Amino acid sequence: MAIRTLDRHIRVWIRDGSRSTIAGMERALPFESGIRTKMAMRVARRKAEEQSWAIARWQMLAAGITLSRINRLVAAGWLYIQLPGVYSWGRPTLDEKGEHIAALLFTGTGSALTGLTGLWWEGLLPFRPAAIHIDAPGRSRSRPGLVIRHPSSITRHEHRGLPVVDLATALLVASEELDHNGLRNALARADFEDLLSLSSLQVSCAKGLKGSKALRAAMDSHLPQLARCVNDFERDFVLLCEAHELPIPDPNVRMGRYVPDMLWRERKVIVELDGKGAHTSAAQKRSDATKQEWLEARGYTVIRFTWGQVYLRRRFVAATVRAALAQPRKSS
């Protein structure tokens, strides 16, 4: 898919700003402002708004704001330096998208989110990485909070308005920081979102690139059920089942008006996981009891495990599940 958004921002500025107004311009500009200056400010302000309030120095110069005026805008609190040559307009901080646009403006045309950041931006990672990871042409250097690679070529697509590297590259780069199960979880999420092609990943791994061994191992033990888990507690229970060679349950499958945590439909067994601090109030207990009665009335065996049992009594949990799965199937 063509990269429409950021490269358009990088190459083109809005020429017709005559009908726009500038938020925050009730206070006077820190310099004499004729009609050309006001027009330049309107153009720059609209560009910043398009980019979640991030704007590059060269974009302001292209709009007609001189370097000396940019410096005066910084001194007056109109602009805030985010990265060398990149500013936020009218506010000291940027939101998540603005921070990533600022990083992409800093690294230049042709850059893209990669590694952990690329996976997170596409919804394949459950946490935002501490640093922004970017693949970029040119020679821009990494700095605190921004990790920059310079591969020989960059294949990109657009996701939620920002350029992202292809899935294989993102996974290979992320393999340096994700452990085995972290990679498997990302693969499962990609599979769930219909983004995964194991054959194309195999081709990428066959090239012998860094991270290929770890990614190949994750693919060899691909576990799609991880994608249906809504939190680490559920993911760890699925991995517990795998470690103890139990059949893998289906997490969070709707049954009527209820969604049990873990389901073995063929064996008519359900596990409900009671996390820390959950299922303790009277109302929660009544709701849990009603749900369990409804499921049991339909022939299901319902087992409940607490957080402490799953993490501290793993053998007990595995033995209990194994025994339940071995029982003759109930009739509903």
Protein backbone atom coordinates (compact mmCIF):
# COMPACT_ATOMS: atom_id res chain seq x y z
CA MET A 1 0.00 0.00 0.00
CA ALA A 2 1.30 3.47 -0.81
CA ILE A 3 2.36 5.60 2.10
CA ARG A 4 -0.08 8.46 1.76
CA THR A 5 0.03 10.27 5.06
CA LEU A 6 3.51 10.96 6.37
CA ASP A 7 5.34 11.30 3.07
CA ARG A 8 2.65 13.73 1.97
CA HIS A 9 3.32 15.69 5.15
CA ILE A 10 7.04 15.58 4.47
CA ARG A 11 6.87 16.77 0.86
CA VAL A 12 3.88 19.12 0.69
CA TRP A 13 2.65 22.05 2.73
CA ILE A 14 -0.84 23.55 2.56
CA ARG A 15 -0.90 26.57 0.29
CA ASP A 16 -4.41 27.84 0.97
CA GLY A 17 -4.48 28.93 4.60
CA SER A 18 -6.52 32.06 4.08
CA ARG A 19 -9.68 30.75 5.74
CA SER A 20 -8.02 29.13 8.77
CA THR A 21 -7.66 30.60 12.23
CA ILE A 22 -4.77 30.05 14.59
CA ALA A 23 -5.62 28.60 17.97
CA GLY A 24 -3.85 30.48 20.70
CA MET A 25 -3.10 33.60 18.66
CA GLU A 26 -5.05 35.85 20.98
CA ARG A 27 -1.65 36.86 22.38
CA ALA A 28 0.64 38.86 20.15
CA LEU A 29 3.33 37.26 18.02
CA PRO A 30 6.89 37.85 19.28
CA PHE A 31 7.73 39.78 16.10
CA GLU A 32 6.22 42.18 13.60
CA SER A 33 3.56 40.32 11.65
CA GLY A 34 2.51 41.48 8.24
CA ILE A 35 0.08 39.62 6.01
CA ARG A 36 2.77 37.27 4.70
CA THR A 37 3.85 36.33 8.19
CA LYS A 38 0.28 35.70 9.27
CA MET A 39 -0.30 33.54 6.22
CA ALA A 40 2.90 31.61 6.92
CA MET A 41 1.78 31.03 10.51
CA ARG A 42 -1.59 29.77 9.33
CA VAL A 43 0.02 27.36 6.90
CA ALA A 44 2.44 26.05 9.53
CA ARG A 45 -0.26 25.74 12.16
CA ARG A 46 -2.45 23.71 9.83
CA LYS A 47 0.47 21.47 8.93
CA ALA A 48 1.20 20.88 12.63
CA GLU A 49 -2.46 20.06 13.28
CA GLU A 50 -2.40 17.47 10.49
CA GLN A 51 0.63 15.89 12.12
CA SER A 52 -0.81 15.67 15.65
CA TRP A 53 0.91 19.00 16.45
CA ALA A 54 4.42 17.87 15.48
CA ILE A 55 6.23 19.94 12.87
CA ALA A 56 9.73 20.02 11.42
CA ARG A 57 11.88 23.14 11.05
CA TRP A 58 12.13 22.73 7.30
CA GLN A 59 8.34 22.55 7.05
CA MET A 60 8.07 25.92 8.74
CA LEU A 61 10.80 27.34 6.51
CA ALA A 62 8.90 26.03 3.48
CA ALA A 63 5.74 27.72 4.78
CA GLY A 64 7.57 31.05 4.90
CA ILE A 65 8.64 31.35 8.55
CA THR A 66 12.28 32.40 8.79
CA LEU A 67 14.83 30.71 11.05
CA SER A 68 15.09 33.78 13.27
CA ARG A 69 11.33 33.78 13.73
CA ILE A 70 11.33 30.09 14.56
CA ASN A 71 13.87 30.79 17.30
CA ARG A 72 11.72 33.61 18.63
CA LEU A 73 8.65 31.36 18.62
CA VAL A 74 10.60 28.87 20.73
CA ALA A 75 11.71 31.58 23.15
CA ALA A 76 8.14 32.86 23.45
CA GLY A 77 6.66 29.42 24.17
CA TRP A 78 4.86 29.01 20.85
CA LEU A 79 7.09 26.10 19.85
CA TYR A 80 8.66 23.39 22.02
CA ILE A 81 11.71 21.43 20.92
CA GLN A 82 11.00 17.69 20.78
CA LEU A 83 14.01 16.53 18.72
CA PRO A 84 16.70 18.39 16.81
CA GLY A 85 14.83 20.25 14.10
CA VAL A 86 11.42 18.96 15.24
CA TYR A 87 8.97 20.85 17.43
CA SER A 88 5.53 20.62 18.98
CA TRP A 89 3.20 23.49 18.14
CA GLY A 90 1.51 25.27 21.01
CA ARG A 91 1.97 22.55 23.62
CA PRO A 92 4.96 21.18 25.55
CA THR A 93 4.11 17.50 24.98
CA LEU A 94 2.63 15.39 22.20
CA ASP A 95 0.21 12.49 22.29
CA GLU A 96 1.30 8.99 21.25
CA LYS A 97 0.77 9.54 17.55
CA GLY A 98 2.43 12.95 17.68
CA GLU A 99 5.51 11.51 19.37
CA HIS A 100 5.88 8.93 16.63
CA ILE A 101 5.31 11.48 13.87
CA ALA A 102 7.99 13.67 15.46
CA ALA A 103 10.42 10.74 15.39
CA LEU A 104 9.57 10.00 11.75
CA LEU A 105 10.05 13.66 10.82
CA PHE A 106 13.44 13.56 12.53
CA THR A 107 14.54 10.45 10.63
CA GLY A 108 13.25 11.74 7.29
CA THR A 109 11.43 10.65 4.16
CA GLY A 110 11.31 6.89 3.62
CA SER A 111 11.51 5.97 7.31
CA ALA A 112 9.08 3.62 9.04
CA LEU A 113 8.23 2.20 12.46
CA THR A 114 10.00 -1.11 13.01
CA GLY A 115 10.63 -3.83 15.58
CA LEU A 116 8.72 -3.54 18.84
CA THR A 117 7.24 -0.19 17.83
CA GLY A 118 5.97 -1.51 14.52
CA LEU A 119 4.35 -4.51 16.23
CA TRP A 120 2.79 -2.31 18.90
CA TRP A 121 1.43 0.22 16.42
CA GLU A 122 -0.25 -2.62 14.51
CA GLY A 123 -1.80 -3.99 17.70
CA LEU A 124 0.39 -7.10 17.87
CA LEU A 125 2.15 -6.22 21.12
CA PRO A 126 0.26 -5.70 24.41
CA PHE A 127 2.55 -2.93 25.69
CA ARG A 128 4.05 0.26 24.30
CA PRO A 129 7.84 -0.06 23.99
CA ALA A 130 9.96 2.23 26.13
CA ALA A 131 11.76 3.53 23.03
CA ILE A 132 10.56 4.33 19.52
CA HIS A 133 12.14 2.00 16.94
CA ILE A 134 12.55 3.29 13.38
CA ASP A 135 14.14 2.02 10.18
CA ALA A 136 15.42 4.98 8.18
CA PRO A 137 17.59 5.94 5.23
CA GLY A 138 20.30 8.53 5.77
CA ARG A 139 22.58 8.88 8.76
CA SER A 140 20.41 10.03 11.66
CA ARG A 141 21.71 8.60 14.92
CA SER A 142 19.90 6.91 17.76
CA ARG A 143 19.35 8.96 20.89
CA PRO A 144 17.66 8.37 24.26
CA GLY A 145 14.15 7.08 23.61
CA LEU A 146 14.74 6.65 19.87
CA VAL A 147 16.43 3.61 18.31
CA ILE A 148 17.30 4.04 14.61
CA ARG A 149 18.48 1.35 12.19
CA HIS A 150 19.72 1.96 8.68
CA PRO A 151 18.94 -1.15 6.60
CA SER A 152 19.86 -1.22 2.94
CA SER A 153 16.20 -1.23 1.92
CA ILE A 154 12.90 -0.52 3.67
CA THR A 155 9.57 -2.07 2.68
CA ARG A 156 6.69 -0.12 4.17
CA HIS A 157 2.92 -0.03 4.37
CA GLU A 158 0.57 2.38 6.10
CA HIS A 159 -1.27 1.53 9.30
CA ARG A 160 -3.38 4.06 11.20
CA GLY A 161 -1.79 6.88 9.27
CA LEU A 162 1.87 5.98 9.88
CA PRO A 163 4.38 3.99 7.83
CA VAL A 164 5.32 0.59 9.26
CA VAL A 165 7.81 -1.98 7.98
CA ASP A 166 6.57 -5.37 6.77
CA LEU A 167 5.65 -7.95 9.39
CA ALA A 168 8.66 -10.20 8.79
CA THR A 169 11.09 -7.32 9.32
CA ALA A 170 9.29 -6.13 12.44
CA LEU A 171 9.38 -9.63 13.94
CA LEU A 172 13.02 -10.22 13.06
CA VAL A 173 14.06 -6.90 14.62
CA ALA A 174 11.85 -7.48 17.67
CA SER A 175 13.32 -10.93 18.23
CA GLU A 176 16.36 -9.25 19.77
CA GLU A 177 14.16 -8.04 22.65
CA LEU A 178 11.18 -10.40 22.84
CA ASP A 179 11.54 -13.80 24.45
CA HIS A 180 10.22 -16.98 22.84
CA ASN A 181 6.69 -16.66 24.18
CA GLY A 182 6.61 -12.95 23.39
CA LEU A 183 7.31 -13.77 19.75
CA ARG A 184 4.69 -16.50 19.79
CA ASN A 185 2.15 -14.08 21.17
CA ALA A 186 2.92 -11.57 18.41
CA LEU A 187 2.55 -14.34 15.81
CA ALA A 188 -0.76 -15.39 17.34
CA ARG A 189 -2.07 -11.81 17.26
CA ALA A 190 -0.97 -11.46 13.63
CA ASP A 191 -2.73 -14.73 12.81
CA PHE A 192 -5.89 -13.56 14.57
CA GLU A 193 -5.84 -10.27 12.63
CA ASP A 194 -5.30 -12.20 9.37
CA LEU A 195 -1.90 -10.56 8.87
CA LEU A 196 0.17 -13.71 9.11
CA SER A 197 1.61 -15.73 6.26
CA LEU A 198 3.85 -18.42 7.69
CA SER A 199 5.18 -19.25 4.24
CA SER A 200 6.37 -15.69 3.65
CA LEU A 201 7.98 -15.63 7.10
CA GLN A 202 9.74 -18.88 6.28
CA VAL A 203 11.16 -17.25 3.15
CA SER A 204 12.44 -14.32 5.23
CA CYS A 205 14.01 -16.67 7.77
CA ALA A 206 15.69 -18.66 5.00
CA LYS A 207 17.76 -15.58 4.16
CA GLY A 208 19.72 -16.07 7.38
CA LEU A 209 19.00 -12.58 8.71
CA LYS A 210 19.63 -11.73 12.35
CA GLY A 211 16.73 -13.01 14.45
CA SER A 212 15.84 -15.80 11.99
CA LYS A 213 16.64 -18.59 14.43
CA ALA A 214 14.41 -17.17 17.19
CA LEU A 215 11.57 -16.41 14.79
CA ARG A 216 11.76 -19.87 13.22
CA ALA A 217 11.55 -21.44 16.69
CA ALA A 218 8.48 -19.34 17.49
CA MET A 219 6.82 -20.37 14.22
CA ASP A 220 7.58 -24.03 14.89
CA SER A 221 5.60 -23.78 18.14
CA HIS A 222 2.93 -21.38 16.86
CA LEU A 223 -0.04 -21.29 19.25
CA PRO A 224 -3.00 -19.38 17.74
CA GLN A 225 -5.03 -19.62 20.97
CA LEU A 226 -2.74 -17.03 22.59
CA ALA A 227 -4.39 -14.35 20.47
CA ARG A 228 -7.77 -14.86 22.14
CA CYS A 229 -6.35 -14.25 25.61
CA VAL A 230 -7.18 -10.83 26.98
CA ASN A 231 -4.43 -10.59 29.60
CA ASP A 232 -1.18 -12.15 30.78
CA PHE A 233 -3.00 -14.32 33.33
CA GLU A 234 -4.94 -16.07 30.58
CA ARG A 235 -1.87 -16.37 28.35
CA ASP A 236 0.12 -17.91 31.17
CA PHE A 237 -2.65 -20.44 31.83
CA VAL A 238 -2.59 -21.51 28.17
CA LEU A 239 1.20 -21.85 28.37
CA LEU A 240 0.80 -23.87 31.57
CA CYS A 241 -1.44 -26.28 29.67
CA GLU A 242 1.15 -26.54 26.92
CA ALA A 243 4.01 -27.10 29.38
CA HIS A 244 2.09 -29.95 31.07
CA GLU A 245 1.08 -31.48 27.73
CA LEU A 246 -2.62 -30.84 28.25
CA PRO A 247 -4.98 -30.19 25.33
CA ILE A 248 -4.94 -26.46 24.59
CA PRO A 249 -8.23 -24.77 25.51
CA ASP A 250 -10.09 -22.17 23.48
CA PRO A 251 -10.03 -18.88 25.40
CA ASN A 252 -13.00 -16.52 25.55
CA VAL A 253 -15.48 -18.29 23.30
CA ARG A 254 -18.98 -16.90 23.65
CA MET A 255 -21.64 -19.31 24.90
CA GLY A 256 -25.03 -17.69 24.97
CA ARG A 257 -24.73 -14.57 27.08
CA TYR A 258 -21.53 -15.74 28.76
CA VAL A 259 -17.86 -15.91 27.77
CA PRO A 260 -15.99 -18.52 29.82
CA ASP A 261 -12.26 -17.96 30.24
CA MET A 262 -11.12 -21.37 28.98
CA LEU A 263 -13.17 -23.97 27.12
CA TRP A 264 -12.64 -27.60 26.10
CA ARG A 265 -15.88 -27.96 24.17
CA GLU A 266 -15.47 -31.62 23.24
CA ARG A 267 -14.82 -32.62 26.84
CA LYS A 268 -17.42 -30.13 28.19
CA VAL A 269 -14.91 -28.64 30.65
CA ILE A 270 -14.55 -24.96 31.48
CA VAL A 271 -11.94 -23.17 33.59
CA GLU A 272 -12.66 -19.77 35.11
CA LEU A 273 -9.64 -17.72 36.22
CA ASP A 274 -10.02 -15.45 39.23
CA GLY A 275 -7.34 -12.78 38.99
CA LYS A 276 -5.89 -10.72 41.80
CA GLY A 277 -8.54 -8.58 43.44
CA ALA A 278 -11.29 -9.86 41.14
CA HIS A 279 -14.37 -11.89 41.97
CA THR A 280 -14.31 -10.83 45.64
CA SER A 281 -17.33 -8.54 46.08
CA ALA A 282 -20.80 -9.89 46.86
CA ALA A 283 -22.09 -8.73 43.49
CA GLN A 284 -19.20 -10.41 41.64
CA LYS A 285 -19.72 -13.64 43.54
CA ARG A 286 -23.44 -13.64 42.71
CA SER A 287 -22.66 -13.02 39.04
CA ASP A 288 -20.07 -15.82 39.02
CA ALA A 289 -22.53 -18.22 40.68
CA THR A 290 -25.26 -17.41 38.15
CA LYS A 291 -22.85 -17.93 35.26
CA GLN A 292 -21.61 -21.22 36.69
CA GLU A 293 -25.14 -22.52 37.26
CA TRP A 294 -26.06 -21.67 33.65
CA LEU A 295 -23.00 -23.51 32.30
CA GLU A 296 -23.42 -26.53 34.57
CA ALA A 297 -27.09 -26.81 33.55
CA ARG A 298 -25.82 -27.39 30.03
CA GLY A 299 -23.58 -30.26 31.07
CA TYR A 300 -20.27 -28.43 31.58
CA THR A 301 -17.84 -29.06 34.42
CA VAL A 302 -16.69 -25.67 35.71
CA ILE A 303 -13.40 -25.37 37.61
CA ARG A 304 -12.16 -22.14 39.20
CA PHE A 305 -8.49 -21.30 39.79
CA THR A 306 -7.06 -18.30 41.59
CA TRP A 307 -4.01 -16.31 40.56
CA GLY A 308 -2.03 -17.92 43.37
CA GLN A 309 -2.92 -21.43 42.27
CA VAL A 310 -1.97 -20.84 38.63
CA TYR A 311 1.40 -19.31 39.49
CA LEU A 312 2.31 -21.08 42.73
CA ARG A 313 0.63 -24.49 42.44
CA ARG A 314 1.09 -25.28 38.77
CA ARG A 315 1.23 -29.06 39.18
CA PHE A 316 -2.00 -29.02 41.19
CA VAL A 317 -3.71 -26.96 38.50
CA ALA A 318 -2.48 -29.25 35.72
CA ALA A 319 -3.52 -32.39 37.62
CA THR A 320 -6.99 -30.98 38.31
CA VAL A 321 -7.53 -30.09 34.65
CA ARG A 322 -6.19 -33.45 33.50
CA ALA A 323 -8.58 -35.31 35.81
CA ALA A 324 -11.56 -33.24 34.63
CA LEU A 325 -10.72 -33.87 30.97
CA ALA A 326 -10.44 -37.62 31.66
CA GLN A 327 -13.97 -37.85 33.07
CA PRO A 328 -16.74 -39.24 30.87
CA ARG A 329 -18.42 -36.44 28.97
CA LYS A 330 -21.61 -35.23 30.62
CA SER A 331 -24.86 -35.10 28.72
CA SER A 332 -26.66 -31.76 28.72
